[in-house]
Every structure is written in C-alpha cells, then in structure tokens.
Protein backbone atom coordinates (compact mmCIF):
# COMPACT_ATOMS: atom_id res chain seq x y z
CA VAL A 1 0.92 17.27 7.02
CA ASP A 2 -2.55 16.79 8.54
CA GLU A 3 -3.38 14.36 11.32
CA LEU A 4 -6.34 12.43 12.65
CA ALA A 5 -6.77 10.43 15.85
CA THR A 6 -7.73 6.81 15.17
CA GLY A 7 -8.03 3.64 17.20
CA ALA A 8 -4.53 2.69 16.02
CA GLY A 9 -3.01 6.02 17.08
CA THR A 10 -2.50 9.36 15.40
CA LEU A 11 -2.57 8.99 11.63
CA ARG A 12 -0.64 11.64 9.71
CA TYR A 13 -1.40 12.21 6.06
CA TYR A 14 -0.64 14.44 3.12
CA SER A 15 -3.50 16.13 1.33
CA ASP A 16 -3.95 18.54 -1.52
CA PRO A 17 -7.37 20.09 -2.12
CA GLY A 18 -6.91 20.07 -5.89
CA PRO A 19 -8.06 22.87 -8.23
CA GLU A 20 -9.95 25.86 -6.85
CA GLN A 21 -13.09 25.12 -8.87
CA PRO A 22 -15.08 22.01 -7.92
CA PRO A 23 -13.10 19.10 -9.37
CA GLU A 24 -14.74 16.92 -12.00
CA HIS A 25 -12.75 13.93 -10.76
CA ARG A 26 -13.28 11.91 -7.60
CA ASP A 27 -10.97 12.14 -4.61
CA LEU A 28 -7.90 9.96 -5.02
CA VAL A 29 -6.40 8.02 -2.09
CA LEU A 30 -2.84 6.69 -2.40
CA LEU A 31 -1.57 3.96 -0.06
CA HIS A 32 2.11 3.11 0.34
CA SER A 33 3.46 -0.44 0.61
CA ILE A 34 4.50 -2.31 3.76
CA ASN A 35 8.13 -3.16 4.49
CA ALA A 36 10.82 -2.20 7.00
CA ALA A 37 10.82 1.49 6.06
CA PRO A 38 7.78 2.51 3.99
CA SER A 39 5.94 5.82 3.89
CA ALA A 40 3.78 8.01 1.68
CA MET A 41 6.99 9.06 -0.12
CA GLU A 42 6.60 5.86 -2.15
CA ILE A 43 3.61 7.28 -3.98
CA LYS A 44 4.93 10.83 -4.40
CA PRO A 45 5.02 10.71 -8.24
CA LEU A 46 1.28 9.97 -8.35
CA PHE A 47 0.52 12.58 -5.70
CA GLU A 48 2.42 15.26 -7.61
CA HIS A 49 0.90 14.32 -10.96
CA TYR A 50 -2.75 14.25 -9.87
CA ARG A 51 -2.84 16.99 -7.24
CA HIS A 52 -3.55 19.62 -9.90
CA ARG A 53 -6.69 17.94 -11.23
CA GLN A 54 -8.38 16.49 -8.12
CA ARG A 55 -8.17 16.18 -4.38
CA VAL A 56 -5.43 13.73 -3.41
CA LEU A 57 -4.83 12.13 0.01
CA ALA A 58 -1.89 9.96 1.07
CA PRO A 59 -1.62 8.64 4.64
CA ASP A 60 1.35 7.20 6.45
CA LEU A 61 -0.28 4.01 7.71
CA PRO A 62 -0.23 3.19 11.45
CA GLY A 63 3.26 2.35 12.65
CA PHE A 64 4.98 3.83 9.59
CA GLY A 65 6.25 7.13 8.24
CA LEU A 66 5.23 10.07 10.39
CA SER A 67 2.23 8.33 11.97
CA GLU A 68 2.21 7.16 15.58
CA ARG A 69 4.21 3.98 16.20
CA ARG A 70 2.49 2.28 19.10
CA ASP A 71 3.58 -1.06 20.50
CA ILE A 72 0.38 -2.88 19.50
CA ASP A 73 -0.59 -5.99 17.58
CA TYR A 74 -0.61 -4.74 14.00
CA SER A 75 -2.78 -6.94 11.79
CA PRO A 76 -4.57 -6.91 8.42
CA GLU A 77 -7.83 -6.25 10.25
CA LEU A 78 -6.34 -3.26 12.08
CA TYR A 79 -5.15 -1.69 8.84
CA ALA A 80 -8.45 -2.25 7.04
CA ASP A 81 -10.44 -0.87 9.98
CA THR A 82 -8.15 2.16 10.31
CA LEU A 83 -8.41 2.89 6.61
CA LEU A 84 -12.20 2.90 6.82
CA GLU A 85 -12.16 5.00 10.00
CA TRP A 86 -9.91 7.54 8.31
CA LEU A 87 -11.94 7.61 5.07
CA GLU A 88 -15.12 8.21 7.04
CA GLN A 89 -13.61 11.44 8.38
CA VAL A 90 -11.71 12.79 5.38
CA ALA A 91 -13.62 11.64 2.27
CA PRO A 92 -17.43 11.62 2.46
CA ASP A 93 -17.94 10.36 -1.11
CA PRO A 94 -16.67 7.15 -2.76
CA VAL A 95 -13.00 7.41 -3.70
CA HIS A 96 -10.56 5.93 -6.17
CA VAL A 97 -7.88 4.04 -4.20
CA VAL A 98 -4.40 3.04 -5.37
CA ALA A 99 -2.60 0.58 -3.07
CA LEU A 100 0.91 -0.81 -3.35
CA SER A 101 2.04 -4.38 -2.66
CA THR A 102 0.85 -5.76 0.73
CA THR A 103 -1.43 -2.77 1.26
CA ALA A 104 -3.48 -4.09 -1.66
CA GLU A 105 -4.66 -6.83 0.70
CA PHE A 106 -5.69 -4.24 3.32
CA ALA A 107 -7.54 -2.16 0.73
CA ALA A 108 -9.36 -5.22 -0.62
CA ARG A 109 -10.35 -6.22 2.92
CA ALA A 110 -11.70 -2.70 3.55
CA ALA A 111 -13.60 -2.69 0.24
CA LEU A 112 -15.25 -5.99 1.14
CA ALA A 113 -16.33 -4.57 4.50
CA ALA A 114 -17.61 -1.24 3.13
CA PRO A 115 -17.92 -1.32 -0.68
CA ALA A 116 -19.85 1.96 -0.77
CA ARG A 117 -16.69 3.81 0.33
CA PHE A 118 -14.80 2.77 -2.83
CA ALA A 119 -15.44 3.83 -6.42
CA SER A 120 -12.51 1.72 -7.59
CA LEU A 121 -9.38 -0.10 -6.49
CA THR A 122 -6.04 -0.14 -8.26
CA LEU A 123 -3.66 -2.74 -6.87
CA VAL A 124 -0.05 -2.13 -7.86
CA SER A 125 2.12 -5.26 -7.73
CA PRO A 126 -0.24 -6.78 -5.14
CA THR A 127 0.75 -9.57 -2.80
CA GLY A 128 -1.44 -12.63 -2.43
CA LEU A 129 -1.36 -13.72 -6.07
CA GLY A 130 1.59 -16.08 -5.85
CA GLU A 131 1.46 -19.79 -5.09
CA ARG A 132 3.45 -19.54 -1.85
CA GLN A 133 1.43 -19.01 1.33
CA PRO A 134 2.49 -17.32 4.60
CA PRO A 135 3.61 -19.64 7.41
CA THR A 136 1.17 -20.77 10.08
CA THR A 137 -0.05 -18.41 12.79
CA ARG A 138 1.97 -20.40 15.32
CA THR A 139 5.16 -19.86 13.33
CA GLN A 140 4.41 -16.17 12.95
CA LYS A 141 4.08 -15.82 16.73
CA ARG A 142 7.44 -17.52 17.21
CA ILE A 143 9.08 -15.11 14.77
CA LYS A 144 7.59 -12.15 16.65
CA LYS A 145 8.97 -13.46 19.93
CA PHE A 146 12.41 -13.78 18.37
CA PHE A 147 12.36 -10.14 17.25
CA HIS A 148 11.65 -9.04 20.82
CA LEU A 149 14.50 -10.97 22.45
CA PRO A 150 16.97 -8.78 24.39
CA GLY A 151 19.81 -7.80 22.11
CA ILE A 152 17.75 -8.48 18.99
CA ASN A 153 14.91 -5.97 19.23
CA GLY A 154 16.63 -2.64 18.58
CA GLY A 155 19.82 -3.91 16.97
CA LEU A 156 18.16 -5.85 14.18
CA TYR A 157 15.95 -2.93 13.24
CA ARG A 158 18.88 -0.52 13.19
CA LEU A 159 20.67 -2.91 10.85
CA LEU A 160 17.65 -3.25 8.55
CA THR A 161 17.17 0.50 8.39
CA SER A 162 20.74 1.66 7.97
CA ARG A 163 21.25 3.82 4.90
CA VAL A 164 23.15 1.01 3.20
CA SER A 165 20.39 -1.53 3.86
CA ILE A 166 17.59 0.81 2.81
CA ARG A 167 19.33 1.65 -0.44
CA TYR A 168 20.02 -2.03 -1.11
CA PHE A 169 16.39 -3.08 -0.69
CA LEU A 170 14.98 -0.10 -2.58
CA ALA A 171 17.37 -0.79 -5.46
CA MET A 172 15.58 -4.09 -6.02
CA ALA A 173 12.56 -2.10 -7.28
CA PHE A 174 14.45 -0.04 -9.88
CA HIS A 175 16.17 -0.93 -13.13
CA GLY A 176 18.28 2.22 -12.84
CA GLU A 177 19.37 4.47 -9.98
CA THR A 178 17.33 4.55 -6.79
CA PRO A 179 15.97 8.09 -6.15
CA ASP A 180 17.86 9.70 -3.28
CA GLU A 181 14.68 11.27 -1.89
CA LEU A 182 13.24 7.81 -1.28
CA VAL A 183 16.33 6.73 0.63
CA ASP A 184 16.61 9.99 2.61
CA TYR A 185 12.96 9.98 3.68
CA ALA A 186 13.08 6.31 4.68
CA VAL A 187 16.16 6.88 6.82
CA ALA A 188 14.61 9.93 8.49
CA THR A 189 11.28 8.31 9.32
CA THR A 190 12.78 5.12 10.75
CA ARG A 191 14.54 7.02 13.53
CA GLN A 192 11.37 7.63 15.55
CA PRO A 193 10.81 5.95 18.94
CA GLY A 194 9.03 2.64 18.50
CA ALA A 195 9.75 2.57 14.79
CA GLN A 196 10.39 -1.18 14.86
CA HIS A 197 6.98 -2.37 16.09
CA ALA A 198 4.96 -2.44 12.85
CA PRO A 199 7.90 -3.53 10.66
CA TYR A 200 8.49 -6.51 12.94
CA CYS A 201 4.86 -7.55 12.45
CA PHE A 202 5.46 -7.35 8.71
CA LEU A 203 8.69 -9.33 8.90
CA SER A 204 6.93 -12.02 10.93
CA THR A 205 4.53 -12.34 7.90
CA SER A 206 1.53 -11.77 10.18
CA LEU A 207 0.32 -8.88 7.99
CA PHE A 208 -0.36 -11.24 5.09
CA THR A 209 -3.73 -12.94 4.57
CA HIS A 210 -3.70 -16.69 4.04
CA HIS A 211 -5.15 -17.55 0.62
CA ALA A 212 -5.67 -13.87 -0.17
CA ARG A 213 -6.81 -14.60 -3.71
CA GLU A 214 -9.81 -16.63 -2.54
CA ALA A 215 -10.44 -14.80 0.73
CA LEU A 216 -10.14 -11.25 -0.62
CA TYR A 217 -9.65 -10.61 -4.31
CA ALA A 218 -12.05 -13.20 -5.72
CA ARG A 219 -14.86 -11.77 -3.57
CA LEU A 220 -14.46 -8.12 -4.60
CA THR A 221 -17.43 -6.31 -6.12
CA THR A 222 -15.55 -3.01 -6.51
CA PRO A 223 -14.13 -2.36 -10.01
CA THR A 224 -10.47 -3.31 -9.68
CA LEU A 225 -7.35 -2.83 -11.81
CA VAL A 226 -4.15 -4.79 -11.22
CA LEU A 227 -0.92 -3.20 -12.47
CA TYR A 228 2.02 -5.56 -12.57
CA ASP A 229 5.16 -6.72 -14.34
CA GLN A 230 8.20 -8.16 -12.59
CA ASP A 231 8.69 -7.94 -8.84
CA PRO A 232 11.58 -9.48 -6.89
CA ASN A 233 9.35 -10.16 -3.88
CA VAL A 234 5.91 -10.83 -5.35
CA GLY A 235 4.57 -13.52 -7.67
CA PHE A 236 1.58 -13.34 -10.03
CA ASP A 237 1.11 -17.02 -10.89
CA CYS A 238 -2.53 -16.93 -9.78
CA LEU A 239 -3.48 -13.71 -11.60
CA PRO A 240 -4.85 -15.48 -14.73
CA ALA A 241 -7.13 -17.63 -12.58
CA LEU A 242 -8.31 -14.58 -10.64
CA LEU A 243 -9.22 -12.73 -13.83
CA LYS A 244 -11.39 -15.69 -14.85
CA GLU A 245 -12.99 -15.96 -11.40
CA ASN A 246 -13.92 -12.32 -10.89
CA PRO A 247 -15.19 -10.21 -13.81
CA VAL A 248 -14.82 -6.89 -11.94
CA ILE A 249 -11.02 -7.28 -12.05
CA ARG A 250 -8.85 -6.38 -15.01
CA ALA A 251 -5.07 -6.25 -15.33
CA GLU A 252 -2.46 -4.32 -17.28
CA ARG A 253 1.22 -5.06 -17.52
CA ILE A 254 3.43 -1.98 -17.16
CA ALA A 255 6.86 -2.94 -18.49
CA PRO A 256 9.70 -2.87 -17.81
CA THR A 257 9.13 -2.31 -14.10
CA LEU A 258 10.03 -4.01 -10.80
CA GLY A 259 7.09 -3.18 -8.57
CA LEU A 260 6.97 0.63 -8.70
CA PRO A 261 5.64 1.44 -12.19
CA HIS A 262 4.66 4.99 -11.23
CA TRP A 263 8.36 5.75 -10.67
CA GLU A 264 9.83 3.85 -13.63
CA GLN A 265 7.09 4.15 -16.27
CA PRO A 266 4.90 7.10 -15.26
CA GLY A 267 3.43 7.66 -18.72
CA GLN A 268 2.20 4.09 -19.07
CA THR A 269 0.93 4.12 -15.50
CA HIS A 270 -1.02 7.36 -15.85
CA ALA A 271 -2.60 6.17 -19.11
CA ALA A 272 -3.70 2.88 -17.57
CA LEU A 273 -5.13 4.58 -14.49
CA GLU A 274 -7.04 7.20 -16.43
CA ARG A 275 -8.55 4.69 -18.87
CA PHE A 276 -9.72 2.68 -15.90
CA TRP A 277 -11.09 5.61 -13.90
CA ASP A 278 -12.89 7.06 -16.93
CA ALA A 279 -14.55 3.70 -17.58
CA VAL A 280 -15.61 3.42 -13.92
CA ASP A 281 -16.91 6.99 -13.68
CA THR A 282 -18.84 6.81 -16.96
CA GLY A 283 -20.18 3.33 -16.29
CA THR A 284 -18.59 1.90 -19.44
CA GLY A 285 -16.11 -0.37 -17.68
C-alpha cells in the first residue's frame, strides 16, 4: 500500500505498475463507493483483472479504508479536490476512471473542474439519476448533530459496522452469497480511531449533490459510460433524459446485477469497459 499526503489527510492507495514493457493502455483509476464501511476492496475484481495489462491505481478515499480518518467536514468538494490533488501526483497523463455509486458524483465534479485529467469516466450504478433529491442543507446539519450526541456517536457506528450489519447491507448488492473477503475487510477497516467521521457525513446525506443530473452529469464533456441494472439504493429514472441531454454519455445494462456488476457479471462488465475504452482511445466513440 502506497501513501500520499493530501489536504484531507494521508491517502493510502493500491497500485500495480502493470506489464514490464511500456503499456499500450492508459492508466486505470478505480474508485470505491461511499457507505458506512467502504474501501478499495470493493473494486478488487477489476484491479486483479486489469493489473496485468496496464497500470492500475485504487485509493481508499479520505475517511475510509486505510486512509486517514480526520474529524473534518467531508463534502463533495473535498472529495473532488482530493482526487485531483492525488491524480496530479500519481498519474501525469489523462486516465480512465471507474467510479462506484456516490463516488460517481465526486468523479464527475472533478472531471468538470479539470477535464484534461480524464480520458474517460465509467460510472457504475451512479447516484443522482433518481427522482428523489437529498434533504435540505439545514436538515443535513441537524442529522449530523444527532450523530454526535453523547451516547449516539460511537455506539451507533459500532452497531452499523458489526459483522452482522455489514454482511446484511452487502448482501443487498448480491443475488447469491456475499464474498467473505468483502465482509472481513470492511470489519477490519472500520475499527480504526475516528472511523465514524466520514460515514456520518454520508449518512447525513451531505455527500450528495442536489440535482446532480443537471449540476454534474449533463455538463460533462468527458466521454462517459454508465453501467447499471437494478440497485436497492439507487434509481435510474432520469437516465433516459440524461442520455438525450448529453451526447458524450452512453449507457449499458449489465444484468442481472444489484449495483456491483464487476463482482456478479465480470465478463459482461469487462466487455463493456473495453469496447468503451477502445472507442475513446481510437477516437471512434
């Protein structure tokens, strides 16, 4: 595990230099989702599959996994800025980025701020495409205050990240058995001091962008692929409208899946990704 000091604390990340000869494929950056117990383990199948053909990088985002868990105000802006700060140091050329769920919003925000850093975006089961909007900022602040009440702060997080709870919530993303390695890694990484700070910001809904479709996705100029199917926590009602609004975005349904297609349908997922990347890199997409 490598590490880099950022404005949001020490960012730890996995990296594989790829084949010994200069790779013909661009660097690939893989971004895990945001929930009570996420980490780079969520994208392990993609990391393992592509590490032999190109350089692959997968960070634990600030406040999650093995990265530093400061007691700070985590926000969409912080995550987008940290992603760009990290990319500036570790990947000098434009990269292909794959982002899961809520992190799709962060990646889109970063691509809007610095499009030259991104060759493409792949958004896997992205948030922000349903009809329901996050609550008001005022309500979000009230929720945060509740999480920090004496007797609530540590106890609630311990309950949410017990092995039973972690397995229950992860099971929602799988038709079959939940991989033990996902559960084990989540349990291990949620036992760090300060582990509750970033998850509480997520649970308060303050990490979501209001009207993300219009504010983020519809404005993208980076070639973008949306992979989706069913997801117990995410809706895609606005995806057809987005595809009409922004011609740089395309979508593929990977079925049957529940938000983690690279775990449940790796063959379909790899094929969709490689068709997209080839089109981007050859200028035919």
